[in-house]
Amino acid sequence: MPNRGKRVMPRPAVELSGKLQAVAWQSLRVALEIVDHRRPLRHLPANDAVLHRVRTIVTEGSAPHRTLGTAVLLRVGVVLIDPSAAELCARYQRGHRVFALAARMECSRSNPWQLTAFRLF
């Protein structure tokens, strides 16, 4: 009998490690600190496209509601797509408001985990 009305989520093919969760948390925290002008861009483990995007956010002052205060990371979700790619979603707070961000991290034999996509909402 088919599974009607129930949404079945596929299990990830690769188990999420605590190390990846910590790297994801740290990378997103650093990204928010850069957006808030509290840390230099060179501290962000990211590819050129993400570095350009974050630099643009900083120089244009286009971070959502930056006037509400410092961004504080609240929660990070990590979904491992394969052994070398993970998608991230996170919540962060500015003042009394909560915002979201999305990102992607990838790694290879020659490069450690780095952000390859980053978007603030």
PDB file of N, CA and C in Angstrom:
ATOM      1  N   MET A   1       0.847  -1.179   0.000  1.00  0.00           N
ATOM      2  CA  MET A   1       0.000   0.000   0.000  1.00  0.00           C
ATOM      3  C   MET A   1       0.892   1.242   0.000  1.00  0.00           C
ATOM      4  N   PRO A   2       0.624   2.194  -0.896  1.00  0.00           N
ATOM      5  CA  PRO A   2       1.446   3.412  -0.952  1.00  0.00           C
ATOM      6  C   PRO A   2       1.323   4.240   0.327  1.00  0.00           C
ATOM      7  N   ASN A   3       2.319   5.017   0.575  1.00  0.00           N
ATOM      8  CA  ASN A   3       2.386   5.871   1.756  1.00  0.00           C
ATOM      9  C   ASN A   3       1.716   7.206   1.433  1.00  0.00           C
ATOM     10  N   ARG A   4       0.408   7.265   1.502  1.00  0.00           N
ATOM     11  CA  ARG A   4      -0.339   8.468   1.126  1.00  0.00           C
ATOM     12  C   ARG A   4      -0.447   9.435   2.289  1.00  0.00           C
ATOM     13  N   GLY A   5      -0.243  10.701   1.955  1.00  0.00           N
ATOM     14  CA  GLY A   5      -0.409  11.737   2.958  1.00  0.00           C
ATOM     15  C   GLY A   5       0.784  11.914   3.892  1.00  0.00           C
ATOM     16  N   LYS A   6       1.751  11.049   3.791  1.00  0.00           N
ATOM     17  CA  LYS A   6       2.934  11.175   4.630  1.00  0.00           C
ATOM     18  C   LYS A   6       4.121  11.509   3.758  1.00  0.00           C
ATOM     19  N   ARG A   7       4.859  12.470   4.197  1.00  0.00           N
ATOM     20  CA  ARG A   7       6.055  12.873   3.459  1.00  0.00           C
ATOM     21  C   ARG A   7       7.242  12.091   4.011  1.00  0.00           C
ATOM     22  N   VAL A   8       7.888  11.358   3.163  1.00  0.00           N
ATOM     23  CA  VAL A   8       9.029  10.557   3.566  1.00  0.00           C
ATOM     24  C   VAL A   8      10.291  11.295   3.155  1.00  0.00           C
ATOM     25  N   MET A   9      11.126  11.618   4.129  1.00  0.00           N
ATOM     26  CA  MET A   9      12.372  12.323   3.869  1.00  0.00           C
ATOM     27  C   MET A   9      13.478  11.291   3.666  1.00  0.00           C
ATOM     28  N   PRO A  10      14.231  11.420   2.576  1.00  0.00           N
ATOM     29  CA  PRO A  10      15.336  10.473   2.383  1.00  0.00           C
ATOM     30  C   PRO A  10      16.422  10.681   3.421  1.00  0.00           C
ATOM     31  N   ARG A  11      17.036   9.610   3.827  1.00  0.00           N
ATOM     32  CA  ARG A  11      18.145   9.711   4.773  1.00  0.00           C
ATOM     33  C   ARG A  11      19.398  10.157   4.030  1.00  0.00           C
ATOM     34  N   PRO A  12      20.212  10.979   4.673  1.00  0.00           N
ATOM     35  CA  PRO A  12      21.453  11.385   3.999  1.00  0.00           C
ATOM     36  C   PRO A  12      22.354  10.179   3.764  1.00  0.00           C
ATOM     37  N   ALA A  13      23.023  10.194   2.620  1.00  0.00           N
ATOM     38  CA  ALA A  13      23.901   9.085   2.275  1.00  0.00           C
ATOM     39  C   ALA A  13      25.152   9.078   3.146  1.00  0.00           C
ATOM     40  N   VAL A  14      25.499  10.211   3.686  1.00  0.00           N
ATOM     41  CA  VAL A  14      26.704  10.342   4.486  1.00  0.00           C
ATOM     42  C   VAL A  14      26.326  10.944   5.832  1.00  0.00           C
ATOM     43  N   GLU A  15      26.873  10.397   6.890  1.00  0.00           N
ATOM     44  CA  GLU A  15      26.552  10.893   8.225  1.00  0.00           C
ATOM     45  C   GLU A  15      27.238  12.242   8.493  1.00  0.00           C
ATOM     46  N   LEU A  16      26.503  13.138   9.089  1.00  0.00           N
ATOM     47  CA  LEU A  16      27.018  14.467   9.424  1.00  0.00           C
ATOM     48  C   LEU A  16      27.962  14.368  10.613  1.00  0.00           C
ATOM     49  N   SER A  17      29.133  14.938  10.464  1.00  0.00           N
ATOM     50  CA  SER A  17      30.103  14.884  11.562  1.00  0.00           C
ATOM     51  C   SER A  17      29.984  16.130  12.439  1.00  0.00           C
ATOM     52  N   GLY A  18      30.383  15.988  13.697  1.00  0.00           N
ATOM     53  CA  GLY A  18      30.397  17.130  14.600  1.00  0.00           C
ATOM     54  C   GLY A  18      31.379  18.189  14.132  1.00  0.00           C
ATOM     55  N   LYS A  19      32.457  17.748  13.474  1.00  0.00           N
ATOM     56  CA  LYS A  19      33.453  18.690  12.972  1.00  0.00           C
ATOM     57  C   LYS A  19      32.846  19.585  11.887  1.00  0.00           C
ATOM     58  N   LEU A  20      32.082  18.995  10.975  1.00  0.00           N
ATOM     59  CA  LEU A  20      31.446  19.793   9.924  1.00  0.00           C
ATOM     60  C   LEU A  20      30.452  20.778  10.530  1.00  0.00           C
ATOM     61  N   GLN A  21      29.690  20.360  11.514  1.00  0.00           N
ATOM     62  CA  GLN A  21      28.747  21.254  12.185  1.00  0.00           C
ATOM     63  C   GLN A  21      29.492  22.436  12.800  1.00  0.00           C
ATOM     64  N   ALA A  22      30.629  22.174  13.429  1.00  0.00           N
ATOM     65  CA  ALA A  22      31.425  23.243  14.053  1.00  0.00           C
ATOM     66  C   ALA A  22      32.015  24.180  13.001  1.00  0.00           C
ATOM     67  N   VAL A  23      32.502  23.628  11.896  1.00  0.00           N
ATOM     68  CA  VAL A  23      33.062  24.446  10.814  1.00  0.00           C
ATOM     69  C   VAL A  23      31.967  25.321  10.208  1.00  0.00           C
ATOM     70  N   ALA A  24      30.787  24.761  10.019  1.00  0.00           N
ATOM     71  CA  ALA A  24      29.668  25.530   9.465  1.00  0.00           C
ATOM     72  C   ALA A  24      29.301  26.685  10.391  1.00  0.00           C
ATOM     73  N   TRP A  25      29.177  26.400  11.675  1.00  0.00           N
ATOM     74  CA  TRP A  25      28.835  27.430  12.666  1.00  0.00           C
ATOM     75  C   TRP A  25      29.869  28.553  12.644  1.00  0.00           C
ATOM     76  N   GLN A  26      31.152  28.165  12.686  1.00  0.00           N
ATOM     77  CA  GLN A  26      32.237  29.147  12.712  1.00  0.00           C
ATOM     78  C   GLN A  26      32.249  29.989  11.432  1.00  0.00           C
ATOM     79  N   SER A  27      32.094  29.360  10.290  1.00  0.00           N
ATOM     80  CA  SER A  27      32.118  30.087   9.015  1.00  0.00           C
ATOM     81  C   SER A  27      30.987  31.102   8.925  1.00  0.00           C
ATOM     82  N   LEU A  28      29.792  30.715   9.347  1.00  0.00           N
ATOM     83  CA  LEU A  28      28.656  31.644   9.289  1.00  0.00           C
ATOM     84  C   LEU A  28      28.808  32.764  10.310  1.00  0.00           C
ATOM     85  N   ARG A  29      29.343  32.444  11.482  1.00  0.00           N
ATOM     86  CA  ARG A  29      29.577  33.479  12.488  1.00  0.00           C
ATOM     87  C   ARG A  29      30.577  34.509  11.969  1.00  0.00           C
ATOM     88  N   VAL A  30      31.639  34.031  11.350  1.00  0.00           N
ATOM     89  CA  VAL A  30      32.642  34.936  10.777  1.00  0.00           C
ATOM     90  C   VAL A  30      32.022  35.785   9.676  1.00  0.00           C
ATOM     91  N   ALA A  31      31.206  35.176   8.823  1.00  0.00           N
ATOM     92  CA  ALA A  31      30.555  35.925   7.747  1.00  0.00           C
ATOM     93  C   ALA A  31      29.692  37.060   8.306  1.00  0.00           C
ATOM     94  N   LEU A  32      28.934  36.776   9.358  1.00  0.00           N
ATOM     95  CA  LEU A  32      28.100  37.824   9.963  1.00  0.00           C
ATOM     96  C   LEU A  32      28.960  38.907  10.619  1.00  0.00           C
ATOM     97  N   GLU A  33      30.062  38.524  11.227  1.00  0.00           N
ATOM     98  CA  GLU A  33      30.960  39.518  11.824  1.00  0.00           C
ATOM     99  C   GLU A  33      31.562  40.424  10.750  1.00  0.00           C
ATOM    100  N   ILE A  34      31.860  39.875   9.588  1.00  0.00           N
ATOM    101  CA  ILE A  34      32.380  40.689   8.485  1.00  0.00           C
ATOM    102  C   ILE A  34      31.314  41.655   7.992  1.00  0.00           C
ATOM    103  N   VAL A  35      30.104  41.167   7.834  1.00  0.00           N
ATOM    104  CA  VAL A  35      28.992  42.022   7.395  1.00  0.00           C
ATOM    105  C   VAL A  35      28.774  43.170   8.378  1.00  0.00           C
ATOM    106  N   ASP A  36      29.019  42.920   9.662  1.00  0.00           N
ATOM    107  CA  ASP A  36      28.857  43.944  10.704  1.00  0.00           C
ATOM    108  C   ASP A  36      30.109  44.809  10.896  1.00  0.00           C
ATOM    109  N   HIS A  37      31.103  44.653  10.026  1.00  0.00           N
ATOM    110  CA  HIS A  37      32.344  45.431  10.096  1.00  0.00           C
ATOM    111  C   HIS A  37      33.134  45.147  11.376  1.00  0.00           C
ATOM    112  N   ARG A  38      33.024  43.942  11.912  1.00  0.00           N
ATOM    113  CA  ARG A  38      33.758  43.585  13.121  1.00  0.00           C
ATOM    114  C   ARG A  38      34.947  42.677  12.850  1.00  0.00           C
ATOM    115  N   ARG A  39      35.115  42.285  11.581  1.00  0.00           N
ATOM    116  CA  ARG A  39      36.198  41.372  11.232  1.00  0.00           C
ATOM    117  C   ARG A  39      36.556  41.614   9.765  1.00  0.00           C
ATOM    118  N   PRO A  40      37.833  41.440   9.392  1.00  0.00           N
ATOM    119  CA  PRO A  40      38.220  41.648   7.990  1.00  0.00           C
ATOM    120  C   PRO A  40      37.794  40.480   7.090  1.00  0.00           C
ATOM    121  N   LEU A  41      37.588  40.772   5.831  1.00  0.00           N
ATOM    122  CA  LEU A  41      37.138  39.794   4.851  1.00  0.00           C
ATOM    123  C   LEU A  41      38.100  38.611   4.716  1.00  0.00           C
ATOM    124  N   ARG A  42      39.370  38.824   4.914  1.00  0.00           N
ATOM    125  CA  ARG A  42      40.359  37.754   4.723  1.00  0.00           C
ATOM    126  C   ARG A  42      40.164  36.582   5.699  1.00  0.00           C
ATOM    127  N   HIS A  43      39.386  36.759   6.747  1.00  0.00           N
ATOM    128  CA  HIS A  43      39.138  35.689   7.717  1.00  0.00           C
ATOM    129  C   HIS A  43      38.092  34.686   7.247  1.00  0.00           C
ATOM    130  N   LEU A  44      37.391  34.986   6.162  1.00  0.00           N
ATOM    131  CA  LEU A  44      36.287  34.134   5.707  1.00  0.00           C
ATOM    132  C   LEU A  44      36.800  33.002   4.822  1.00  0.00           C
ATOM    133  N   PRO A  45      36.553  31.740   5.199  1.00  0.00           N
ATOM    134  CA  PRO A  45      36.935  30.620   4.344  1.00  0.00           C
ATOM    135  C   PRO A  45      35.891  30.453   3.227  1.00  0.00           C
ATOM    136  N   ALA A  46      36.156  31.065   2.084  1.00  0.00           N
ATOM    137  CA  ALA A  46      35.164  31.079   1.011  1.00  0.00           C
ATOM    138  C   ALA A  46      35.838  31.158  -0.352  1.00  0.00           C
ATOM    139  N   ASN A  47      35.087  30.781  -1.386  1.00  0.00           N
ATOM    140  CA  ASN A  47      35.610  30.914  -2.738  1.00  0.00           C
ATOM    141  C   ASN A  47      35.489  32.371  -3.197  1.00  0.00           C
ATOM    142  N   ASP A  48      36.014  32.665  -4.370  1.00  0.00           N
ATOM    143  CA  ASP A  48      36.047  34.043  -4.861  1.00  0.00           C
ATOM    144  C   ASP A  48      34.655  34.653  -5.027  1.00  0.00           C
ATOM    145  N   ALA A  49      33.692  33.861  -5.480  1.00  0.00           N
ATOM    146  CA  ALA A  49      32.336  34.385  -5.687  1.00  0.00           C
ATOM    147  C   ALA A  49      31.708  34.848  -4.370  1.00  0.00           C
ATOM    148  N   VAL A  50      31.886  34.062  -3.320  1.00  0.00           N
ATOM    149  CA  VAL A  50      31.329  34.432  -2.012  1.00  0.00           C
ATOM    150  C   VAL A  50      32.073  35.629  -1.440  1.00  0.00           C
ATOM    151  N   LEU A  51      33.385  35.648  -1.588  1.00  0.00           N
ATOM    152  CA  LEU A  51      34.148  36.799  -1.102  1.00  0.00           C
ATOM    153  C   LEU A  51      33.682  38.078  -1.791  1.00  0.00           C
ATOM    154  N   HIS A  52      33.445  38.009  -3.089  1.00  0.00           N
ATOM    155  CA  HIS A  52      32.950  39.184  -3.827  1.00  0.00           C
ATOM    156  C   HIS A  52      31.564  39.597  -3.327  1.00  0.00           C
ATOM    157  N   ARG A  53      30.693  38.607  -3.108  1.00  0.00           N
ATOM    158  CA  ARG A  53      29.331  38.900  -2.639  1.00  0.00           C
ATOM    159  C   ARG A  53      29.355  39.569  -1.261  1.00  0.00           C
ATOM    160  N   VAL A  54      30.156  39.022  -0.347  1.00  0.00           N
ATOM    161  CA  VAL A  54      30.225  39.592   1.007  1.00  0.00           C
ATOM    162  C   VAL A  54      30.853  40.986   0.957  1.00  0.00           C
ATOM    163  N   ARG A  55      31.881  41.142   0.145  1.00  0.00           N
ATOM    164  CA  ARG A  55      32.501  42.466  -0.014  1.00  0.00           C
ATOM    165  C   ARG A  55      31.471  43.483  -0.514  1.00  0.00           C
ATOM    166  N   THR A  56      30.625  43.069  -1.455  1.00  0.00           N
ATOM    167  CA  THR A  56      29.576  43.952  -1.976  1.00  0.00           C
ATOM    168  C   THR A  56      28.569  44.310  -0.891  1.00  0.00           C
ATOM    169  N   ILE A  57      28.161  43.339  -0.086  1.00  0.00           N
ATOM    170  CA  ILE A  57      27.226  43.600   1.019  1.00  0.00           C
ATOM    171  C   ILE A  57      27.825  44.621   1.978  1.00  0.00           C
ATOM    172  N   VAL A  58      29.109  44.462   2.279  1.00  0.00           N
ATOM    173  CA  VAL A  58      29.783  45.363   3.225  1.00  0.00           C
ATOM    174  C   VAL A  58      29.905  46.768   2.639  1.00  0.00           C
ATOM    175  N   THR A  59      30.391  46.877   1.410  1.00  0.00           N
ATOM    176  CA  THR A  59      30.636  48.206   0.830  1.00  0.00           C
ATOM    177  C   THR A  59      29.344  48.948   0.522  1.00  0.00           C
ATOM    178  N   GLU A  60      28.296  48.224   0.130  1.00  0.00           N
ATOM    179  CA  GLU A  60      27.016  48.871  -0.175  1.00  0.00           C
ATOM    180  C   GLU A  60      26.151  49.059   1.069  1.00  0.00           C
ATOM    181  N   GLY A  61      26.534  48.416   2.161  1.00  0.00           N
ATOM    182  CA  GLY A  61      25.720  48.493   3.371  1.00  0.00           C
ATOM    183  C   GLY A  61      24.358  47.856   3.179  1.00  0.00           C
ATOM    184  N   SER A  62      24.308  46.771   2.397  1.00  0.00           N
ATOM    185  CA  SER A  62      23.018  46.174   2.042  1.00  0.00           C
ATOM    186  C   SER A  62      22.594  45.003   2.919  1.00  0.00           C
ATOM    187  N   ALA A  63      23.238  44.829   4.069  1.00  0.00           N
ATOM    188  CA  ALA A  63      22.812  43.776   4.991  1.00  0.00           C
ATOM    189  C   ALA A  63      21.435  44.140   5.541  1.00  0.00           C
ATOM    190  N   PRO A  64      20.522  43.159   5.595  1.00  0.00           N
ATOM    191  CA  PRO A  64      19.171  43.458   6.073  1.00  0.00           C
ATOM    192  C   PRO A  64      19.143  44.027   7.493  1.00  0.00           C
ATOM    193  N   HIS A  65      18.576  45.208   7.644  1.00  0.00           N
ATOM    194  CA  HIS A  65      18.296  45.820   8.945  1.00  0.00           C
ATOM    195  C   HIS A  65      19.511  45.893   9.867  1.00  0.00           C
ATOM    196  N   ARG A  66      20.645  46.228   9.320  1.00  0.00           N
ATOM    197  CA  ARG A  66      21.875  46.325  10.121  1.00  0.00           C
ATOM    198  C   ARG A  66      21.753  47.362  11.235  1.00  0.00           C
ATOM    199  N   THR A  67      20.882  48.337  11.051  1.00  0.00           N
ATOM    200  CA  THR A  67      20.701  49.395  12.049  1.00  0.00           C
ATOM    201  C   THR A  67      20.056  48.874  13.339  1.00  0.00           C
ATOM    202  N   LEU A  68      19.498  47.668  13.317  1.00  0.00           N
ATOM    203  CA  LEU A  68      18.866  47.105  14.512  1.00  0.00           C
ATOM    204  C   LEU A  68      19.877  46.614  15.540  1.00  0.00           C
ATOM    205  N   GLY A  69      21.125  46.455  15.128  1.00  0.00           N
ATOM    206  CA  GLY A  69      22.145  45.997  16.065  1.00  0.00           C
ATOM    207  C   GLY A  69      23.017  44.915  15.469  1.00  0.00           C
ATOM    208  N   THR A  70      23.855  44.347  16.301  1.00  0.00           N
ATOM    209  CA  THR A  70      24.793  43.307  15.913  1.00  0.00           C
ATOM    210  C   THR A  70      24.064  42.009  15.596  1.00  0.00           C
ATOM    211  N   ALA A  71      24.533  41.320  14.555  1.00  0.00           N
ATOM    212  CA  ALA A  71      23.953  40.020  14.198  1.00  0.00           C
ATOM    213  C   ALA A  71      24.485  38.948  15.140  1.00  0.00           C
ATOM    214  N   VAL A  72      23.574  38.158  15.693  1.00  0.00           N
ATOM    215  CA  VAL A  72      23.937  37.068  16.599  1.00  0.00           C
ATOM    216  C   VAL A  72      23.380  35.777  16.015  1.00  0.00           C
ATOM    217  N   LEU A  73      24.258  34.838  15.723  1.00  0.00           N
ATOM    218  CA  LEU A  73      23.852  33.557  15.155  1.00  0.00           C
ATOM    219  C   LEU A  73      23.090  32.757  16.209  1.00  0.00           C
ATOM    220  N   LEU A  74      21.904  32.266  15.846  1.00  0.00           N
ATOM    221  CA  LEU A  74      21.069  31.533  16.796  1.00  0.00           C
ATOM    222  C   LEU A  74      21.080  30.025  16.573  1.00  0.00           C
ATOM    223  N   ARG A  75      20.968  29.636  15.303  1.00  0.00           N
ATOM    224  CA  ARG A  75      20.849  28.211  14.991  1.00  0.00           C
ATOM    225  C   ARG A  75      21.373  27.957  13.593  1.00  0.00           C
ATOM    226  N   VAL A  76      22.053  26.840  13.416  1.00  0.00           N
ATOM    227  CA  VAL A  76      22.583  26.455  12.106  1.00  0.00           C
ATOM    228  C   VAL A  76      22.132  25.030  11.801  1.00  0.00           C
ATOM    229  N   GLY A  77      21.534  24.861  10.652  1.00  0.00           N
ATOM    230  CA  GLY A  77      21.170  23.532  10.171  1.00  0.00           C
ATOM    231  C   GLY A  77      22.099  23.144   9.037  1.00  0.00           C
ATOM    232  N   VAL A  78      22.548  21.909   9.050  1.00  0.00           N
ATOM    233  CA  VAL A  78      23.462  21.422   8.018  1.00  0.00           C
ATOM    234  C   VAL A  78      22.872  20.159   7.407  1.00  0.00           C
ATOM    235  N   VAL A  79      22.783  20.143   6.070  1.00  0.00           N
ATOM    236  CA  VAL A  79      22.340  18.951   5.349  1.00  0.00           C
ATOM    237  C   VAL A  79      23.481  18.535   4.438  1.00  0.00           C
ATOM    238  N   LEU A  80      24.002  17.353   4.689  1.00  0.00           N
ATOM    239  CA  LEU A  80      25.108  16.848   3.886  1.00  0.00           C
ATOM    240  C   LEU A  80      24.541  16.287   2.586  1.00  0.00           C
ATOM    241  N   ILE A  81      24.936  16.874   1.471  1.00  0.00           N
ATOM    242  CA  ILE A  81      24.449  16.445   0.165  1.00  0.00           C
ATOM    243  C   ILE A  81      25.250  15.243  -0.320  1.00  0.00           C
ATOM    244  N   ASP A  82      26.545  15.310  -0.179  1.00  0.00           N
ATOM    245  CA  ASP A  82      27.462  14.200  -0.455  1.00  0.00           C
ATOM    246  C   ASP A  82      28.702  14.429   0.410  1.00  0.00           C
ATOM    247  N   PRO A  83      29.693  13.558   0.353  1.00  0.00           N
ATOM    248  CA  PRO A  83      30.845  13.727   1.260  1.00  0.00           C
ATOM    249  C   PRO A  83      31.604  15.036   1.096  1.00  0.00           C
ATOM    250  N   SER A  84      31.398  15.736  -0.018  1.00  0.00           N
ATOM    251  CA  SER A  84      32.158  16.973  -0.236  1.00  0.00           C
ATOM    252  C   SER A  84      31.283  18.217  -0.365  1.00  0.00           C
ATOM    253  N   ALA A  85      30.002  18.123  -0.051  1.00  0.00           N
ATOM    254  CA  ALA A  85      29.109  19.286  -0.176  1.00  0.00           C
ATOM    255  C   ALA A  85      28.027  19.249   0.900  1.00  0.00           C
ATOM    256  N   ALA A  86      27.765  20.430   1.464  1.00  0.00           N
ATOM    257  CA  ALA A  86      26.722  20.554   2.486  1.00  0.00           C
ATOM    258  C   ALA A  86      25.962  21.857   2.261  1.00  0.00           C
ATOM    259  N   GLU A  87      24.670  21.812   2.498  1.00  0.00           N
ATOM    260  CA  GLU A  87      23.850  23.020   2.426  1.00  0.00           C
ATOM    261  C   GLU A  87      23.497  23.445   3.840  1.00  0.00           C
ATOM    262  N   LEU A  88      23.542  24.763   4.062  1.00  0.00           N
ATOM    263  CA  LEU A  88      23.343  25.313   5.395  1.00  0.00           C
ATOM    264  C   LEU A  88      22.151  26.256   5.394  1.00  0.00           C
ATOM    265  N   CYS A  89      21.426  26.264   6.477  1.00  0.00           N
ATOM    266  CA  CYS A  89      20.415  27.285   6.717  1.00  0.00           C
ATOM    267  C   CYS A  89      20.609  27.727   8.158  1.00  0.00           C
ATOM    268  N   ALA A  90      20.351  28.991   8.408  1.00  0.00           N
ATOM    269  CA  ALA A  90      20.602  29.489   9.759  1.00  0.00           C
ATOM    270  C   ALA A  90      19.641  30.612  10.096  1.00  0.00           C
ATOM    271  N   ARG A  91      19.474  30.806  11.390  1.00  0.00           N
ATOM    272  CA  ARG A  91      18.726  31.954  11.907  1.00  0.00           C
ATOM    273  C   ARG A  91      19.695  32.826  12.674  1.00  0.00           C
ATOM    274  N   TYR A  92      19.522  34.124  12.522  1.00  0.00           N
ATOM    275  CA  TYR A  92      20.323  35.066  13.301  1.00  0.00           C
ATOM    276  C   TYR A  92      19.428  36.201  13.757  1.00  0.00           C
ATOM    277  N   GLN A  93      19.845  36.857  14.814  1.00  0.00           N
ATOM    278  CA  GLN A  93      19.029  37.905  15.433  1.00  0.00           C
ATOM    279  C   GLN A  93      19.747  39.239  15.355  1.00  0.00           C
ATOM    280  N   ARG A  94      18.959  40.274  15.090  1.00  0.00           N
ATOM    281  CA  ARG A  94      19.419  41.670  15.186  1.00  0.00           C
ATOM    282  C   ARG A  94      18.383  42.388  16.042  1.00  0.00           C
ATOM    283  N   GLY A  95      18.825  42.858  17.201  1.00  0.00           N
ATOM    284  CA  GLY A  95      17.864  43.476  18.107  1.00  0.00           C
ATOM    285  C   GLY A  95      16.811  42.456  18.497  1.00  0.00           C
ATOM    286  N   HIS A  96      15.547  42.777  18.311  1.00  0.00           N
ATOM    287  CA  HIS A  96      14.460  41.864  18.661  1.00  0.00           C
ATOM    288  C   HIS A  96      13.947  41.064  17.464  1.00  0.00           C
ATOM    289  N   ARG A  97      14.529  41.275  16.278  1.00  0.00           N
ATOM    290  CA  ARG A  97      14.069  40.597  15.062  1.00  0.00           C
ATOM    291  C   ARG A  97      14.967  39.426  14.698  1.00  0.00           C
ATOM    292  N   VAL A  98      14.349  38.421  14.099  1.00  0.00           N
ATOM    293  CA  VAL A  98      15.066  37.225  13.670  1.00  0.00           C
ATOM    294  C   VAL A  98      15.060  37.167  12.146  1.00  0.00           C
ATOM    295  N   PHE A  99      16.225  36.844  11.574  1.00  0.00           N
ATOM    296  CA  PHE A  99      16.397  36.779  10.130  1.00  0.00           C
ATOM    297  C   PHE A  99      16.955  35.414   9.752  1.00  0.00           C
ATOM    298  N   ALA A 100      17.031  35.144   8.443  1.00  0.00           N
ATOM    299  CA  ALA A 100      17.536  33.864   7.956  1.00  0.00           C
ATOM    300  C   ALA A 100      18.682  34.077   6.978  1.00  0.00           C
ATOM    301  N   LEU A 101      19.458  33.030   6.822  1.00  0.00           N
ATOM    302  CA  LEU A 101      20.485  33.024   5.783  1.00  0.00           C
ATOM    303  C   LEU A 101      20.595  31.600   5.242  1.00  0.00           C
ATOM    304  N   ALA A 102      21.118  31.509   4.035  1.00  0.00           N
ATOM    305  CA  ALA A 102      21.348  30.217   3.407  1.00  0.00           C
ATOM    306  C   ALA A 102      22.763  30.216   2.845  1.00  0.00           C
ATOM    307  N   ALA A 103      23.379  29.045   2.828  1.00  0.00           N
ATOM    308  CA  ALA A 103      24.744  28.948   2.328  1.00  0.00           C
ATOM    309  C   ALA A 103      25.011  27.522   1.868  1.00  0.00           C
ATOM    310  N   ARG A 104      26.112  27.376   1.195  1.00  0.00           N
ATOM    311  CA  ARG A 104      26.594  26.059   0.770  1.00  0.00           C
ATOM    312  C   ARG A 104      28.086  25.995   1.062  1.00  0.00           C
ATOM    313  N   MET A 105      28.533  24.839   1.517  1.00  0.00           N
ATOM    314  CA  MET A 105      29.964  24.609   1.760  1.00  0.00           C
ATOM    315  C   MET A 105      30.403  23.401   0.949  1.00  0.00           C
ATOM    316  N   GLU A 106      31.633  23.485   0.446  1.00  0.00           N
ATOM    317  CA  GLU A 106      32.205  22.360  -0.289  1.00  0.00           C
ATOM    318  C   GLU A 106      33.654  22.176   0.134  1.00  0.00           C
ATOM    319  N   CYS A 107      34.152  20.979  -0.063  1.00  0.00           N
ATOM    320  CA  CYS A 107      35.557  20.705   0.219  1.00  0.00           C
ATOM    321  C   CYS A 107      36.103  19.773  -0.860  1.00  0.00           C
ATOM    322  N   SER A 108      37.414  19.700  -0.917  1.00  0.00           N
ATOM    323  CA  SER A 108      38.087  18.776  -1.825  1.00  0.00           C
ATOM    324  C   SER A 108      39.343  18.283  -1.130  1.00  0.00           C
ATOM    325  N   ARG A 109      40.071  17.432  -1.793  1.00  0.00           N
ATOM    326  CA  ARG A 109      41.306  16.928  -1.177  1.00  0.00           C
ATOM    327  C   ARG A 109      42.300  18.048  -0.920  1.00  0.00           C
ATOM    328  N   SER A 110      42.320  19.039  -1.808  1.00  0.00           N
ATOM    329  CA  SER A 110      43.296  20.124  -1.671  1.00  0.00           C
ATOM    330  C   SER A 110      42.774  21.328  -0.896  1.00  0.00           C
ATOM    331  N   ASN A 111      41.440  21.439  -0.726  1.00  0.00           N
ATOM    332  CA  ASN A 111      40.848  22.582  -0.012  1.00  0.00           C
ATOM    333  C   ASN A 111      39.985  22.099   1.136  1.00  0.00           C
ATOM    334  N   PRO A 112      40.129  22.717   2.309  1.00  0.00           N
ATOM    335  CA  PRO A 112      39.222  22.383   3.415  1.00  0.00           C
ATOM    336  C   PRO A 112      37.826  22.945   3.124  1.00  0.00           C
ATOM    337  N   TRP A 113      36.892  22.706   4.019  1.00  0.00           N
ATOM    338  CA  TRP A 113      35.536  23.220   3.840  1.00  0.00           C
ATOM    339  C   TRP A 113      35.564  24.737   3.676  1.00  0.00           C
ATOM    340  N   GLN A 114      34.852  25.216   2.659  1.00  0.00           N
ATOM    341  CA  GLN A 114      34.742  26.656   2.443  1.00  0.00           C
ATOM    342  C   GLN A 114      33.352  26.976   1.897  1.00  0.00           C
ATOM    343  N   LEU A 115      32.916  28.209   2.154  1.00  0.00           N
ATOM    344  CA  LEU A 115      31.625  28.650   1.633  1.00  0.00           C
ATOM    345  C   LEU A 115      31.709  28.833   0.123  1.00  0.00           C
ATOM    346  N   THR A 116      30.715  28.296  -0.578  1.00  0.00           N
ATOM    347  CA  THR A 116      30.645  28.456  -2.026  1.00  0.00           C
ATOM    348  C   THR A 116      29.380  29.185  -2.443  1.00  0.00           C
ATOM    349  N   ALA A 117      28.483  29.442  -1.500  1.00  0.00           N
ATOM    350  CA  ALA A 117      27.285  30.253  -1.730  1.00  0.00           C
ATOM    351  C   ALA A 117      26.884  30.868  -0.398  1.00  0.00           C
ATOM    352  N   PHE A 118      26.330  32.081  -0.462  1.00  0.00           N
ATOM    353  CA  PHE A 118      25.955  32.791   0.777  1.00  0.00           C
ATOM    354  C   PHE A 118      24.866  33.791   0.440  1.00  0.00           C
ATOM    355  N   ARG A 119      23.770  33.758   1.192  1.00  0.00           N
ATOM    356  CA  ARG A 119      22.675  34.692   0.949  1.00  0.00           C
ATOM    357  C   ARG A 119      21.993  35.060   2.263  1.00  0.00           C
ATOM    358  N   LEU A 120      21.824  36.354   2.491  1.00  0.00           N
ATOM    359  CA  LEU A 120      21.090  36.856   3.663  1.00  0.00           C
ATOM    360  C   LEU A 120      19.674  37.162   3.260  1.00  0.00           C
ATOM    361  N   PHE A 121      18.727  36.850   4.157  1.00  0.00           N
ATOM    362  CA  PHE A 121      17.311  37.160   3.899  1.00  0.00           C
ATOM    363  C   PHE A 121      16.787  38.086   4.956  1.00  0.00           C
TER     364      PHE A 121
END
